[in-house]
Amino acid sequence: MSFTTDVTVSLVSVQATSVTASTPGEVSGPAVRVTVKVHNRSKQAVDVSSAVVSLTADKDGYGIGTTAGKPIPLQGSVAPGSTTSGSYVFMLNPAKARAVTISVNYAAGEPIAIFAGRTA
């Protein structure tokens, strides 16, 4: 999705997976890994450190963000003409072949990209 800010947000993948807890507070189980790409076509660097990605599912399901599964969120600044990506993991049971809506706010105060589809 392109914005009037000359920033393009796209989803690289939305994959059902299973994660294993490795630290206190994490939970093992079915999850969805979302990989997001941000391309900056503007003339100024764009800070994506405050990016917020969320996931909702059919049947009133909500993806709960987790550190299990080793997500790598968007971070730092994206130079003009450059691209960066990040991944987010959401606990969701069941996760496979599920209708989901993913929202991406790449920076505070900027437009929100909304994508709908099914997990692979």
PDB file of N, CA and C in Angstrom:
ATOM      1  N   MET A   1       0.841  -1.163   0.000  1.00  0.00           N
ATOM      2  CA  MET A   1       0.000   0.000   0.000  1.00  0.00           C
ATOM      3  C   MET A   1       0.892   1.233   0.000  1.00  0.00           C
ATOM      4  N   SER A   2       0.670   2.151  -0.938  1.00  0.00           N
ATOM      5  CA  SER A   2       1.445   3.387  -1.014  1.00  0.00           C
ATOM      6  C   SER A   2       0.657   4.524  -0.382  1.00  0.00           C
ATOM      7  N   PHE A   3       1.375   5.429   0.240  1.00  0.00           N
ATOM      8  CA  PHE A   3       0.759   6.582   0.890  1.00  0.00           C
ATOM      9  C   PHE A   3       1.226   7.853   0.212  1.00  0.00           C
ATOM     10  N   THR A   4       0.558   8.959   0.498  1.00  0.00           N
ATOM     11  CA  THR A   4       0.986  10.249  -0.030  1.00  0.00           C
ATOM     12  C   THR A   4       2.305  10.684   0.595  1.00  0.00           C
ATOM     13  N   THR A   5       2.794   9.951   1.563  1.00  0.00           N
ATOM     14  CA  THR A   5       4.073  10.241   2.213  1.00  0.00           C
ATOM     15  C   THR A   5       5.246   9.655   1.426  1.00  0.00           C
ATOM     16  N   ASP A   6       4.972   9.012   0.297  1.00  0.00           N
ATOM     17  CA  ASP A   6       5.987   8.335  -0.523  1.00  0.00           C
ATOM     18  C   ASP A   6       6.632   7.152   0.189  1.00  0.00           C
ATOM     19  N   VAL A   7       5.889   6.536   1.078  1.00  0.00           N
ATOM     20  CA  VAL A   7       6.321   5.317   1.762  1.00  0.00           C
ATOM     21  C   VAL A   7       5.377   4.202   1.343  1.00  0.00           C
ATOM     22  N   THR A   8       5.941   3.046   0.996  1.00  0.00           N
ATOM     23  CA  THR A   8       5.141   1.890   0.618  1.00  0.00           C
ATOM     24  C   THR A   8       5.303   0.812   1.677  1.00  0.00           C
ATOM     25  N   VAL A   9       4.170   0.280   2.137  1.00  0.00           N
ATOM     26  CA  VAL A   9       4.167  -0.816   3.105  1.00  0.00           C
ATOM     27  C   VAL A   9       3.583  -2.029   2.411  1.00  0.00           C
ATOM     28  N   SER A  10       4.242  -3.179   2.537  1.00  0.00           N
ATOM     29  CA  SER A  10       3.719  -4.407   1.954  1.00  0.00           C
ATOM     30  C   SER A  10       3.970  -5.574   2.904  1.00  0.00           C
ATOM     31  N   LEU A  11       3.198  -6.627   2.703  1.00  0.00           N
ATOM     32  CA  LEU A  11       3.408  -7.848   3.458  1.00  0.00           C
ATOM     33  C   LEU A  11       4.216  -8.797   2.594  1.00  0.00           C
ATOM     34  N   VAL A  12       5.297  -9.309   3.134  1.00  0.00           N
ATOM     35  CA  VAL A  12       6.129 -10.275   2.428  1.00  0.00           C
ATOM     36  C   VAL A  12       5.534 -11.663   2.594  1.00  0.00           C
ATOM     37  N   SER A  13       5.098 -11.973   3.825  1.00  0.00           N
ATOM     38  CA  SER A  13       4.480 -13.273   4.077  1.00  0.00           C
ATOM     39  C   SER A  13       3.637 -13.231   5.344  1.00  0.00           C
ATOM     40  N   VAL A  14       2.669 -14.140   5.378  1.00  0.00           N
ATOM     41  CA  VAL A  14       1.817 -14.357   6.546  1.00  0.00           C
ATOM     42  C   VAL A  14       1.717 -15.868   6.696  1.00  0.00           C
ATOM     43  N   GLN A  15       2.510 -16.429   7.603  1.00  0.00           N
ATOM     44  CA  GLN A  15       2.665 -17.876   7.708  1.00  0.00           C
ATOM     45  C   GLN A  15       2.204 -18.417   9.055  1.00  0.00           C
ATOM     46  N   ALA A  16       1.383 -19.452   9.020  1.00  0.00           N
ATOM     47  CA  ALA A  16       1.052 -20.179  10.241  1.00  0.00           C
ATOM     48  C   ALA A  16       2.297 -20.946  10.669  1.00  0.00           C
ATOM     49  N   THR A  17       2.549 -20.989  11.962  1.00  0.00           N
ATOM     50  CA  THR A  17       3.720 -21.662  12.487  1.00  0.00           C
ATOM     51  C   THR A  17       3.396 -22.169  13.887  1.00  0.00           C
ATOM     52  N   SER A  18       4.368 -22.733  14.530  1.00  0.00           N
ATOM     53  CA  SER A  18       4.251 -23.136  15.926  1.00  0.00           C
ATOM     54  C   SER A  18       5.483 -22.614  16.635  1.00  0.00           C
ATOM     55  N   VAL A  19       5.297 -22.022  17.810  1.00  0.00           N
ATOM     56  CA  VAL A  19       6.427 -21.472  18.547  1.00  0.00           C
ATOM     57  C   VAL A  19       6.604 -22.216  19.862  1.00  0.00           C
ATOM     58  N   THR A  20       7.834 -22.204  20.349  1.00  0.00           N
ATOM     59  CA  THR A  20       8.168 -22.849  21.607  1.00  0.00           C
ATOM     60  C   THR A  20       8.661 -21.790  22.576  1.00  0.00           C
ATOM     61  N   ALA A  21       8.068 -21.750  23.746  1.00  0.00           N
ATOM     62  CA  ALA A  21       8.483 -20.801  24.771  1.00  0.00           C
ATOM     63  C   ALA A  21       9.917 -21.086  25.195  1.00  0.00           C
ATOM     64  N   SER A  22      10.710 -20.020  25.354  1.00  0.00           N
ATOM     65  CA  SER A  22      12.088 -20.213  25.803  1.00  0.00           C
ATOM     66  C   SER A  22      12.448 -19.321  26.990  1.00  0.00           C
ATOM     67  N   THR A  23      11.601 -18.355  27.303  1.00  0.00           N
ATOM     68  CA  THR A  23      11.860 -17.492  28.454  1.00  0.00           C
ATOM     69  C   THR A  23      10.587 -17.387  29.291  1.00  0.00           C
ATOM     70  N   PRO A  24      10.706 -17.006  30.552  1.00  0.00           N
ATOM     71  CA  PRO A  24       9.523 -16.860  31.402  1.00  0.00           C
ATOM     72  C   PRO A  24       8.512 -15.889  30.788  1.00  0.00           C
ATOM     73  N   GLY A  25       7.255 -16.248  30.864  1.00  0.00           N
ATOM     74  CA  GLY A  25       6.188 -15.404  30.336  1.00  0.00           C
ATOM     75  C   GLY A  25       5.775 -15.736  28.921  1.00  0.00           C
ATOM     76  N   GLU A  26       6.599 -16.461  28.189  1.00  0.00           N
ATOM     77  CA  GLU A  26       6.224 -16.875  26.844  1.00  0.00           C
ATOM     78  C   GLU A  26       5.344 -18.115  26.912  1.00  0.00           C
ATOM     79  N   VAL A  27       4.601 -18.351  25.836  1.00  0.00           N
ATOM     80  CA  VAL A  27       3.707 -19.499  25.739  1.00  0.00           C
ATOM     81  C   VAL A  27       4.025 -20.241  24.447  1.00  0.00           C
ATOM     82  N   SER A  28       3.987 -21.545  24.484  1.00  0.00           N
ATOM     83  CA  SER A  28       4.180 -22.366  23.284  1.00  0.00           C
ATOM     84  C   SER A  28       2.844 -22.604  22.610  1.00  0.00           C
ATOM     85  N   GLY A  29       2.860 -22.788  21.295  1.00  0.00           N
ATOM     86  CA  GLY A  29       1.638 -23.128  20.592  1.00  0.00           C
ATOM     87  C   GLY A  29       1.566 -22.555  19.196  1.00  0.00           C
ATOM     88  N   PRO A  30       0.365 -22.666  18.575  1.00  0.00           N
ATOM     89  CA  PRO A  30       0.185 -22.176  17.209  1.00  0.00           C
ATOM     90  C   PRO A  30       0.304 -20.649  17.161  1.00  0.00           C
ATOM     91  N   ALA A  31       0.889 -20.179  16.077  1.00  0.00           N
ATOM     92  CA  ALA A  31       1.112 -18.742  15.929  1.00  0.00           C
ATOM     93  C   ALA A  31       1.142 -18.375  14.454  1.00  0.00           C
ATOM     94  N   VAL A  32       1.184 -17.080  14.203  1.00  0.00           N
ATOM     95  CA  VAL A  32       1.295 -16.552  12.846  1.00  0.00           C
ATOM     96  C   VAL A  32       2.499 -15.614  12.812  1.00  0.00           C
ATOM     97  N   ARG A  33       3.385 -15.828  11.848  1.00  0.00           N
ATOM     98  CA  ARG A  33       4.530 -14.935  11.631  1.00  0.00           C
ATOM     99  C   ARG A  33       4.192 -14.031  10.448  1.00  0.00           C
ATOM    100  N   VAL A  34       4.267 -12.729  10.686  1.00  0.00           N
ATOM    101  CA  VAL A  34       3.979 -11.723   9.662  1.00  0.00           C
ATOM    102  C   VAL A  34       5.275 -10.988   9.347  1.00  0.00           C
ATOM    103  N   THR A  35       5.663 -10.975   8.074  1.00  0.00           N
ATOM    104  CA  THR A  35       6.847 -10.236   7.650  1.00  0.00           C
ATOM    105  C   THR A  35       6.395  -9.022   6.845  1.00  0.00           C
ATOM    106  N   VAL A  36       6.844  -7.848   7.278  1.00  0.00           N
ATOM    107  CA  VAL A  36       6.428  -6.562   6.725  1.00  0.00           C
ATOM    108  C   VAL A  36       7.633  -5.907   6.040  1.00  0.00           C
ATOM    109  N   LYS A  37       7.384  -5.258   4.907  1.00  0.00           N
ATOM    110  CA  LYS A  37       8.431  -4.520   4.199  1.00  0.00           C
ATOM    111  C   LYS A  37       8.016  -3.061   4.065  1.00  0.00           C
ATOM    112  N   VAL A  38       8.961  -2.150   4.323  1.00  0.00           N
ATOM    113  CA  VAL A  38       8.722  -0.712   4.177  1.00  0.00           C
ATOM    114  C   VAL A  38       9.748  -0.163   3.190  1.00  0.00           C
ATOM    115  N   HIS A  39       9.249   0.488   2.139  1.00  0.00           N
ATOM    116  CA  HIS A  39      10.121   1.105   1.125  1.00  0.00           C
ATOM    117  C   HIS A  39       9.924   2.615   1.189  1.00  0.00           C
ATOM    118  N   ASN A  40      11.010   3.331   1.377  1.00  0.00           N
ATOM    119  CA  ASN A  40      10.971   4.792   1.502  1.00  0.00           C
ATOM    120  C   ASN A  40      11.357   5.436   0.170  1.00  0.00           C
ATOM    121  N   ARG A  41      10.361   6.005  -0.503  1.00  0.00           N
ATOM    122  CA  ARG A  41      10.606   6.708  -1.771  1.00  0.00           C
ATOM    123  C   ARG A  41      10.647   8.224  -1.572  1.00  0.00           C
ATOM    124  N   SER A  42      10.618   8.663  -0.312  1.00  0.00           N
ATOM    125  CA  SER A  42      10.647  10.102  -0.042  1.00  0.00           C
ATOM    126  C   SER A  42      12.088  10.621  -0.084  1.00  0.00           C
ATOM    127  N   LYS A  43      12.253  11.898   0.181  1.00  0.00           N
ATOM    128  CA  LYS A  43      13.590  12.509   0.162  1.00  0.00           C
ATOM    129  C   LYS A  43      14.185  12.640   1.553  1.00  0.00           C
ATOM    130  N   GLN A  44      13.466  12.118   2.555  1.00  0.00           N
ATOM    131  CA  GLN A  44      13.949  12.184   3.936  1.00  0.00           C
ATOM    132  C   GLN A  44      13.909  10.793   4.560  1.00  0.00           C
ATOM    133  N   ALA A  45      14.797  10.569   5.527  1.00  0.00           N
ATOM    134  CA  ALA A  45      14.789   9.302   6.255  1.00  0.00           C
ATOM    135  C   ALA A  45      13.477   9.171   7.039  1.00  0.00           C
ATOM    136  N   VAL A  46      13.008   7.942   7.183  1.00  0.00           N
ATOM    137  CA  VAL A  46      11.779   7.664   7.918  1.00  0.00           C
ATOM    138  C   VAL A  46      12.114   6.740   9.079  1.00  0.00           C
ATOM    139  N   ASP A  47      11.805   7.173  10.292  1.00  0.00           N
ATOM    140  CA  ASP A  47      12.061   6.367  11.481  1.00  0.00           C
ATOM    141  C   ASP A  47      10.911   5.383  11.670  1.00  0.00           C
ATOM    142  N   VAL A  48      11.225   4.089  11.667  1.00  0.00           N
ATOM    143  CA  VAL A  48      10.191   3.052  11.838  1.00  0.00           C
ATOM    144  C   VAL A  48      10.278   2.380  13.208  1.00  0.00           C
ATOM    145  N   SER A  49      11.045   2.960  14.122  1.00  0.00           N
ATOM    146  CA  SER A  49      11.219   2.380  15.457  1.00  0.00           C
ATOM    147  C   SER A  49       9.922   2.297  16.251  1.00  0.00           C
ATOM    148  N   SER A  50       8.969   3.168  15.945  1.00  0.00           N
ATOM    149  CA  SER A  50       7.699   3.155  16.669  1.00  0.00           C
ATOM    150  C   SER A  50       6.599   2.403  15.920  1.00  0.00           C
ATOM    151  N   ALA A  51       6.975   1.622  14.905  1.00  0.00           N
ATOM    152  CA  ALA A  51       5.978   0.883  14.105  1.00  0.00           C
ATOM    153  C   ALA A  51       5.130  -0.026  14.997  1.00  0.00           C
ATOM    154  N   VAL A  52       3.846  -0.096  14.661  1.00  0.00           N
ATOM    155  CA  VAL A  52       2.918  -0.967  15.377  1.00  0.00           C
ATOM    156  C   VAL A  52       2.233  -1.872  14.358  1.00  0.00           C
ATOM    157  N   VAL A  53       2.336  -3.184  14.576  1.00  0.00           N
ATOM    158  CA  VAL A  53       1.697  -4.167  13.708  1.00  0.00           C
ATOM    159  C   VAL A  53       0.744  -4.965  14.579  1.00  0.00           C
ATOM    160  N   SER A  54      -0.485  -5.141  14.099  1.00  0.00           N
ATOM    161  CA  SER A  54      -1.461  -5.925  14.858  1.00  0.00           C
ATOM    162  C   SER A  54      -2.187  -6.897  13.939  1.00  0.00           C
ATOM    163  N   LEU A  55      -2.780  -7.924  14.542  1.00  0.00           N
ATOM    164  CA  LEU A  55      -3.461  -8.973  13.790  1.00  0.00           C
ATOM    165  C   LEU A  55      -4.772  -9.321  14.478  1.00  0.00           C
ATOM    166  N   THR A  56      -5.843  -9.315  13.699  1.00  0.00           N
ATOM    167  CA  THR A  56      -7.132  -9.830  14.171  1.00  0.00           C
ATOM    168  C   THR A  56      -7.529 -10.963  13.230  1.00  0.00           C
ATOM    169  N   ALA A  57      -8.386 -11.839  13.729  1.00  0.00           N
ATOM    170  CA  ALA A  57      -8.783 -13.005  12.937  1.00  0.00           C
ATOM    171  C   ALA A  57     -10.295 -13.136  12.921  1.00  0.00           C
ATOM    172  N   ASP A  58     -10.768 -14.005  12.027  1.00  0.00           N
ATOM    173  CA  ASP A  58     -12.198 -14.286  11.966  1.00  0.00           C
ATOM    174  C   ASP A  58     -12.676 -14.836  13.314  1.00  0.00           C
ATOM    175  N   LYS A  59     -13.961 -14.910  13.484  1.00  0.00           N
ATOM    176  CA  LYS A  59     -14.567 -15.455  14.702  1.00  0.00           C
ATOM    177  C   LYS A  59     -14.079 -14.736  15.954  1.00  0.00           C
ATOM    178  N   ASP A  60     -13.927 -13.407  15.842  1.00  0.00           N
ATOM    179  CA  ASP A  60     -13.514 -12.568  16.968  1.00  0.00           C
ATOM    180  C   ASP A  60     -12.179 -12.974  17.570  1.00  0.00           C
ATOM    181  N   GLY A  61     -11.278 -13.482  16.749  1.00  0.00           N
ATOM    182  CA  GLY A  61      -9.957 -13.869  17.230  1.00  0.00           C
ATOM    183  C   GLY A  61      -8.981 -12.709  17.188  1.00  0.00           C
ATOM    184  N   TYR A  62      -8.102 -12.688  18.150  1.00  0.00           N
ATOM    185  CA  TYR A  62      -7.068 -11.662  18.216  1.00  0.00           C
ATOM    186  C   TYR A  62      -5.710 -12.321  18.314  1.00  0.00           C
ATOM    187  N   GLY A  63      -4.788 -11.890  17.495  1.00  0.00           N
ATOM    188  CA  GLY A  63      -3.419 -12.373  17.596  1.00  0.00           C
ATOM    189  C   GLY A  63      -2.732 -11.649  18.742  1.00  0.00           C
ATOM    190  N   ILE A  64      -2.139 -12.396  19.626  1.00  0.00           N
ATOM    191  CA  ILE A  64      -1.441 -11.825  20.773  1.00  0.00           C
ATOM    192  C   ILE A  64       0.055 -11.801  20.463  1.00  0.00           C
ATOM    193  N   GLY A  65       0.629 -10.612  20.408  1.00  0.00           N
ATOM    194  CA  GLY A  65       2.046 -10.488  20.116  1.00  0.00           C
ATOM    195  C   GLY A  65       2.880 -11.242  21.138  1.00  0.00           C
ATOM    196  N   THR A  66       3.949 -11.878  20.674  1.00  0.00           N
ATOM    197  CA  THR A  66       4.805 -12.670  21.548  1.00  0.00           C
ATOM    198  C   THR A  66       6.266 -12.518  21.145  1.00  0.00           C
ATOM    199  N   THR A  67       7.141 -12.756  22.111  1.00  0.00           N
ATOM    200  CA  THR A  67       8.568 -12.781  21.816  1.00  0.00           C
ATOM    201  C   THR A  67       9.024 -14.196  21.475  1.00  0.00           C
ATOM    202  N   ALA A  68       8.157 -15.196  21.714  1.00  0.00           N
ATOM    203  CA  ALA A  68       8.472 -16.567  21.291  1.00  0.00           C
ATOM    204  C   ALA A  68       8.528 -16.575  19.767  1.00  0.00           C
ATOM    205  N   GLY A  69       9.361 -17.404  19.196  1.00  0.00           N
ATOM    206  CA  GLY A  69       9.477 -17.454  17.743  1.00  0.00           C
ATOM    207  C   GLY A  69      10.441 -16.434  17.174  1.00  0.00           C
ATOM    208  N   LYS A  70      11.091 -15.683  18.034  1.00  0.00           N
ATOM    209  CA  LYS A  70      12.139 -14.736  17.638  1.00  0.00           C
ATOM    210  C   LYS A  70      11.719 -13.704  16.576  1.00  0.00           C
ATOM    211  N   PRO A  71      10.727 -12.868  16.889  1.00  0.00           N
ATOM    212  CA  PRO A  71      10.373 -11.804  15.947  1.00  0.00           C
ATOM    213  C   PRO A  71      11.524 -10.801  15.823  1.00  0.00           C
ATOM    214  N   ILE A  72      11.589 -10.134  14.700  1.00  0.00           N
ATOM    215  CA  ILE A  72      12.585  -9.089  14.464  1.00  0.00           C
ATOM    216  C   ILE A  72      11.819  -7.858  13.977  1.00  0.00           C
ATOM    217  N   PRO A  73      11.349  -7.018  14.901  1.00  0.00           N
ATOM    218  CA  PRO A  73      10.507  -5.891  14.500  1.00  0.00           C
ATOM    219  C   PRO A  73      11.252  -4.853  13.666  1.00  0.00           C
ATOM    220  N   LEU A  74      10.481  -4.032  12.965  1.00  0.00           N
ATOM    221  CA  LEU A  74      11.055  -2.897  12.245  1.00  0.00           C
ATOM    222  C   LEU A  74      11.800  -2.028  13.247  1.00  0.00           C
ATOM    223  N   GLN A  75      12.936  -1.496  12.841  1.00  0.00           N
ATOM    224  CA  GLN A  75      13.704  -0.658  13.752  1.00  0.00           C
ATOM    225  C   GLN A  75      14.586   0.318  12.991  1.00  0.00           C
ATOM    226  N   GLY A  76      14.927   1.407  13.643  1.00  0.00           N
ATOM    227  CA  GLY A  76      15.832   2.393  13.062  1.00  0.00           C
ATOM    228  C   GLY A  76      15.176   3.251  11.993  1.00  0.00           C
ATOM    229  N   SER A  77      16.010   3.872  11.196  1.00  0.00           N
ATOM    230  CA  SER A  77      15.546   4.755  10.123  1.00  0.00           C
ATOM    231  C   SER A  77      15.767   4.103   8.767  1.00  0.00           C
ATOM    232  N   VAL A  78      14.865   4.419   7.835  1.00  0.00           N
ATOM    233  CA  VAL A  78      14.983   3.932   6.467  1.00  0.00           C
ATOM    234  C   VAL A  78      15.404   5.126   5.615  1.00  0.00           C
ATOM    235  N   ALA A  79      16.578   5.044   5.035  1.00  0.00           N
ATOM    236  CA  ALA A  79      17.106   6.132   4.208  1.00  0.00           C
ATOM    237  C   ALA A  79      16.278   6.293   2.941  1.00  0.00           C
ATOM    238  N   PRO A  80      16.294   7.480   2.340  1.00  0.00           N
ATOM    239  CA  PRO A  80      15.591   7.682   1.071  1.00  0.00           C
ATOM    240  C   PRO A  80      16.029   6.650   0.036  1.00  0.00           C
ATOM    241  N   GLY A  81      15.066   6.049  -0.634  1.00  0.00           N
ATOM    242  CA  GLY A  81      15.340   5.051  -1.657  1.00  0.00           C
ATOM    243  C   GLY A  81      15.623   3.661  -1.113  1.00  0.00           C
ATOM    244  N   SER A  82      15.603   3.493   0.188  1.00  0.00           N
ATOM    245  CA  SER A  82      15.925   2.199   0.801  1.00  0.00           C
ATOM    246  C   SER A  82      14.690   1.454   1.271  1.00  0.00           C
ATOM    247  N   THR A  83      14.918   0.172   1.568  1.00  0.00           N
ATOM    248  CA  THR A  83      13.862  -0.716   2.035  1.00  0.00           C
ATOM    249  C   THR A  83      14.347  -1.437   3.279  1.00  0.00           C
ATOM    250  N   THR A  84      13.428  -1.704   4.197  1.00  0.00           N
ATOM    251  CA  THR A  84      13.736  -2.516   5.366  1.00  0.00           C
ATOM    252  C   THR A  84      12.565  -3.456   5.612  1.00  0.00           C
ATOM    253  N   SER A  85      12.822  -4.486   6.388  1.00  0.00           N
ATOM    254  CA  SER A  85      11.730  -5.408   6.723  1.00  0.00           C
ATOM    255  C   SER A  85      11.842  -5.823   8.176  1.00  0.00           C
ATOM    256  N   GLY A  86      10.748  -6.333   8.683  1.00  0.00           N
ATOM    257  CA  GLY A  86      10.699  -6.820  10.052  1.00  0.00           C
ATOM    258  C   GLY A  86       9.677  -7.927  10.149  1.00  0.00           C
ATOM    259  N   SER A  87       9.798  -8.746  11.179  1.00  0.00           N
ATOM    260  CA  SER A  87       8.828  -9.829  11.364  1.00  0.00           C
ATOM    261  C   SER A  87       8.224  -9.745  12.754  1.00  0.00           C
ATOM    262  N   TYR A  88       6.975 -10.151  12.842  1.00  0.00           N
ATOM    263  CA  TYR A  88       6.197 -10.109  14.073  1.00  0.00           C
ATOM    264  C   TYR A  88       5.534 -11.468  14.248  1.00  0.00           C
ATOM    265  N   VAL A  89       5.414 -11.917  15.491  1.00  0.00           N
ATOM    266  CA  VAL A  89       4.810 -13.212  15.769  1.00  0.00           C
ATOM    267  C   VAL A  89       3.613 -12.994  16.689  1.00  0.00           C
ATOM    268  N   PHE A  90       2.491 -13.612  16.311  1.00  0.00           N
ATOM    269  CA  PHE A  90       1.250 -13.496  17.070  1.00  0.00           C
ATOM    270  C   PHE A  90       0.723 -14.877  17.424  1.00  0.00           C
ATOM    271  N   MET A  91       0.444 -15.110  18.694  1.00  0.00           N
ATOM    272  CA  MET A  91      -0.193 -16.357  19.105  1.00  0.00           C
ATOM    273  C   MET A  91      -1.624 -16.342  18.563  1.00  0.00           C
ATOM    274  N   LEU A  92      -2.048 -17.437  17.927  1.00  0.00           N
ATOM    275  CA  LEU A  92      -3.396 -17.540  17.372  1.00  0.00           C
ATOM    276  C   LEU A  92      -3.733 -19.015  17.224  1.00  0.00           C
ATOM    277  N   ASN A  93      -4.821 -19.430  17.840  1.00  0.00           N
ATOM    278  CA  ASN A  93      -5.207 -20.844  17.811  1.00  0.00           C
ATOM    279  C   ASN A  93      -6.641 -20.983  17.327  1.00  0.00           C
ATOM    280  N   PRO A  94      -6.865 -21.665  16.203  1.00  0.00           N
ATOM    281  CA  PRO A  94      -5.891 -22.227  15.272  1.00  0.00           C
ATOM    282  C   PRO A  94      -5.282 -21.126  14.410  1.00  0.00           C
ATOM    283  N   ALA A  95      -4.132 -21.424  13.836  1.00  0.00           N
ATOM    284  CA  ALA A  95      -3.420 -20.431  13.027  1.00  0.00           C
ATOM    285  C   ALA A  95      -3.462 -20.746  11.535  1.00  0.00           C
ATOM    286  N   LYS A  96      -3.571 -22.003  11.185  1.00  0.00           N
ATOM    287  CA  LYS A  96      -3.491 -22.416   9.776  1.00  0.00           C
ATOM    288  C   LYS A  96      -4.791 -22.131   9.022  1.00  0.00           C
ATOM    289  N   ALA A  97      -4.657 -21.624   7.792  1.00  0.00           N
ATOM    290  CA  ALA A  97      -5.784 -21.346   6.892  1.00  0.00           C
ATOM    291  C   ALA A  97      -6.847 -20.479   7.554  1.00  0.00           C
ATOM    292  N   ARG A  98      -6.420 -19.465   8.250  1.00  0.00           N
ATOM    293  CA  ARG A  98      -7.321 -18.596   9.010  1.00  0.00           C
ATOM    294  C   ARG A  98      -7.437 -17.243   8.328  1.00  0.00           C
ATOM    295  N   ALA A  99      -8.647 -16.710   8.249  1.00  0.00           N
ATOM    296  CA  ALA A  99      -8.853 -15.364   7.714  1.00  0.00           C
ATOM    297  C   ALA A  99      -8.343 -14.362   8.742  1.00  0.00           C
ATOM    298  N   VAL A 100      -7.445 -13.466   8.295  1.00  0.00           N
ATOM    299  CA  VAL A 100      -6.856 -12.489   9.207  1.00  0.00           C
ATOM    300  C   VAL A 100      -6.855 -11.099   8.577  1.00  0.00           C
ATOM    301  N   THR A 101      -6.808 -10.097   9.438  1.00  0.00           N
ATOM    302  CA  THR A 101      -6.623  -8.710   9.033  1.00  0.00           C
ATOM    303  C   THR A 101      -5.400  -8.200   9.780  1.00  0.00           C
ATOM    304  N   ILE A 102      -4.478  -7.617   9.036  1.00  0.00           N
ATOM    305  CA  ILE A 102      -3.234  -7.124   9.620  1.00  0.00           C
ATOM    306  C   ILE A 102      -3.167  -5.624   9.376  1.00  0.00           C
ATOM    307  N   SER A 103      -2.893  -4.872  10.442  1.00  0.00           N
ATOM    308  CA  SER A 103      -2.727  -3.428  10.290  1.00  0.00           C
ATOM    309  C   SER A 103      -1.283  -3.074  10.610  1.00  0.00           C
ATOM    310  N   VAL A 104      -0.745  -2.145   9.822  1.00  0.00           N
ATOM    311  CA  VAL A 104       0.636  -1.709   9.982  1.00  0.00           C
ATOM    312  C   VAL A 104       0.657  -0.187  10.036  1.00  0.00           C
ATOM    313  N   ASN A 105       1.127   0.337  11.154  1.00  0.00           N
ATOM    314  CA  ASN A 105       1.360   1.771  11.296  1.00  0.00           C
ATOM    315  C   ASN A 105       2.874   1.929  11.367  1.00  0.00           C
ATOM    316  N   TYR A 106       3.504   2.302  10.246  1.00  0.00           N
ATOM    317  CA  TYR A 106       4.967   2.278  10.156  1.00  0.00           C
ATOM    318  C   TYR A 106       5.647   3.349  11.005  1.00  0.00           C
ATOM    319  N   ALA A 107       4.930   4.414  11.369  1.00  0.00           N
ATOM    320  CA  ALA A 107       5.492   5.463  12.222  1.00  0.00           C
ATOM    321  C   ALA A 107       4.349   6.211  12.899  1.00  0.00           C
ATOM    322  N   ALA A 108       4.599   6.654  14.103  1.00  0.00           N
ATOM    323  CA  ALA A 108       3.577   7.384  14.863  1.00  0.00           C
ATOM    324  C   ALA A 108       3.069   8.579  14.068  1.00  0.00           C
ATOM    325  N   GLY A 109       1.752   8.728  13.998  1.00  0.00           N
ATOM    326  CA  GLY A 109       1.138   9.851  13.308  1.00  0.00           C
ATOM    327  C   GLY A 109       0.996   9.678  11.809  1.00  0.00           C
ATOM    328  N   GLU A 110       1.464   8.566  11.263  1.00  0.00           N
ATOM    329  CA  GLU A 110       1.373   8.323   9.822  1.00  0.00           C
ATOM    330  C   GLU A 110       0.171   7.427   9.511  1.00  0.00           C
ATOM    331  N   PRO A 111      -0.215   7.311   8.228  1.00  0.00           N
ATOM    332  CA  PRO A 111      -1.372   6.480   7.864  1.00  0.00           C
ATOM    333  C   PRO A 111      -1.150   5.010   8.235  1.00  0.00           C
ATOM    334  N   ILE A 112      -2.264   4.293   8.356  1.00  0.00           N
ATOM    335  CA  ILE A 112      -2.227   2.876   8.702  1.00  0.00           C
ATOM    336  C   ILE A 112      -2.582   2.050   7.463  1.00  0.00           C
ATOM    337  N   ALA A 113      -1.754   1.068   7.159  1.00  0.00           N
ATOM    338  CA  ALA A 113      -2.026   0.132   6.058  1.00  0.00           C
ATOM    339  C   ALA A 113      -2.780  -1.053   6.630  1.00  0.00           C
ATOM    340  N   ILE A 114      -3.854  -1.463   5.955  1.00  0.00           N
ATOM    341  CA  ILE A 114      -4.670  -2.591   6.411  1.00  0.00           C
ATOM    342  C   ILE A 114      -4.727  -3.621   5.292  1.00  0.00           C
ATOM    343  N   PHE A 115      -4.400  -4.862   5.651  1.00  0.00           N
ATOM    344  CA  PHE A 115      -4.379  -5.971   4.699  1.00  0.00           C
ATOM    345  C   PHE A 115      -5.297  -7.076   5.212  1.00  0.00           C
ATOM    346  N   ALA A 116      -5.994  -7.750   4.307  1.00  0.00           N
ATOM    347  CA  ALA A 116      -6.849  -8.868   4.684  1.00  0.00           C
ATOM    348  C   ALA A 116      -6.550 -10.056   3.785  1.00  0.00           C
ATOM    349  N   GLY A 117      -6.589 -11.256   4.369  1.00  0.00           N
ATOM    350  CA  GLY A 117      -6.331 -12.456   3.612  1.00  0.00           C
ATOM    351  C   GLY A 117      -6.382 -13.675   4.508  1.00  0.00           C
ATOM    352  N   ARG A 118      -5.719 -14.740   4.089  1.00  0.00           N
ATOM    353  CA  ARG A 118      -5.681 -15.994   4.859  1.00  0.00           C
ATOM    354  C   ARG A 118      -4.237 -16.371   5.154  1.00  0.00           C
ATOM    355  N   THR A 119      -4.037 -17.020   6.292  1.00  0.00           N
ATOM    356  CA  THR A 119      -2.703 -17.505   6.617  1.00  0.00           C
ATOM    357  C   THR A 119      -2.378 -18.706   5.731  1.00  0.00           C
ATOM    358  N   ALA A 120      -1.107 -18.860   5.429  1.00  0.00           N
ATOM    359  CA  ALA A 120      -0.659 -19.970   4.589  1.00  0.00           C
ATOM    360  C   ALA A 120      -0.287 -21.158   5.458  1.00  0.00           C
TER     361      ALA A 120
END
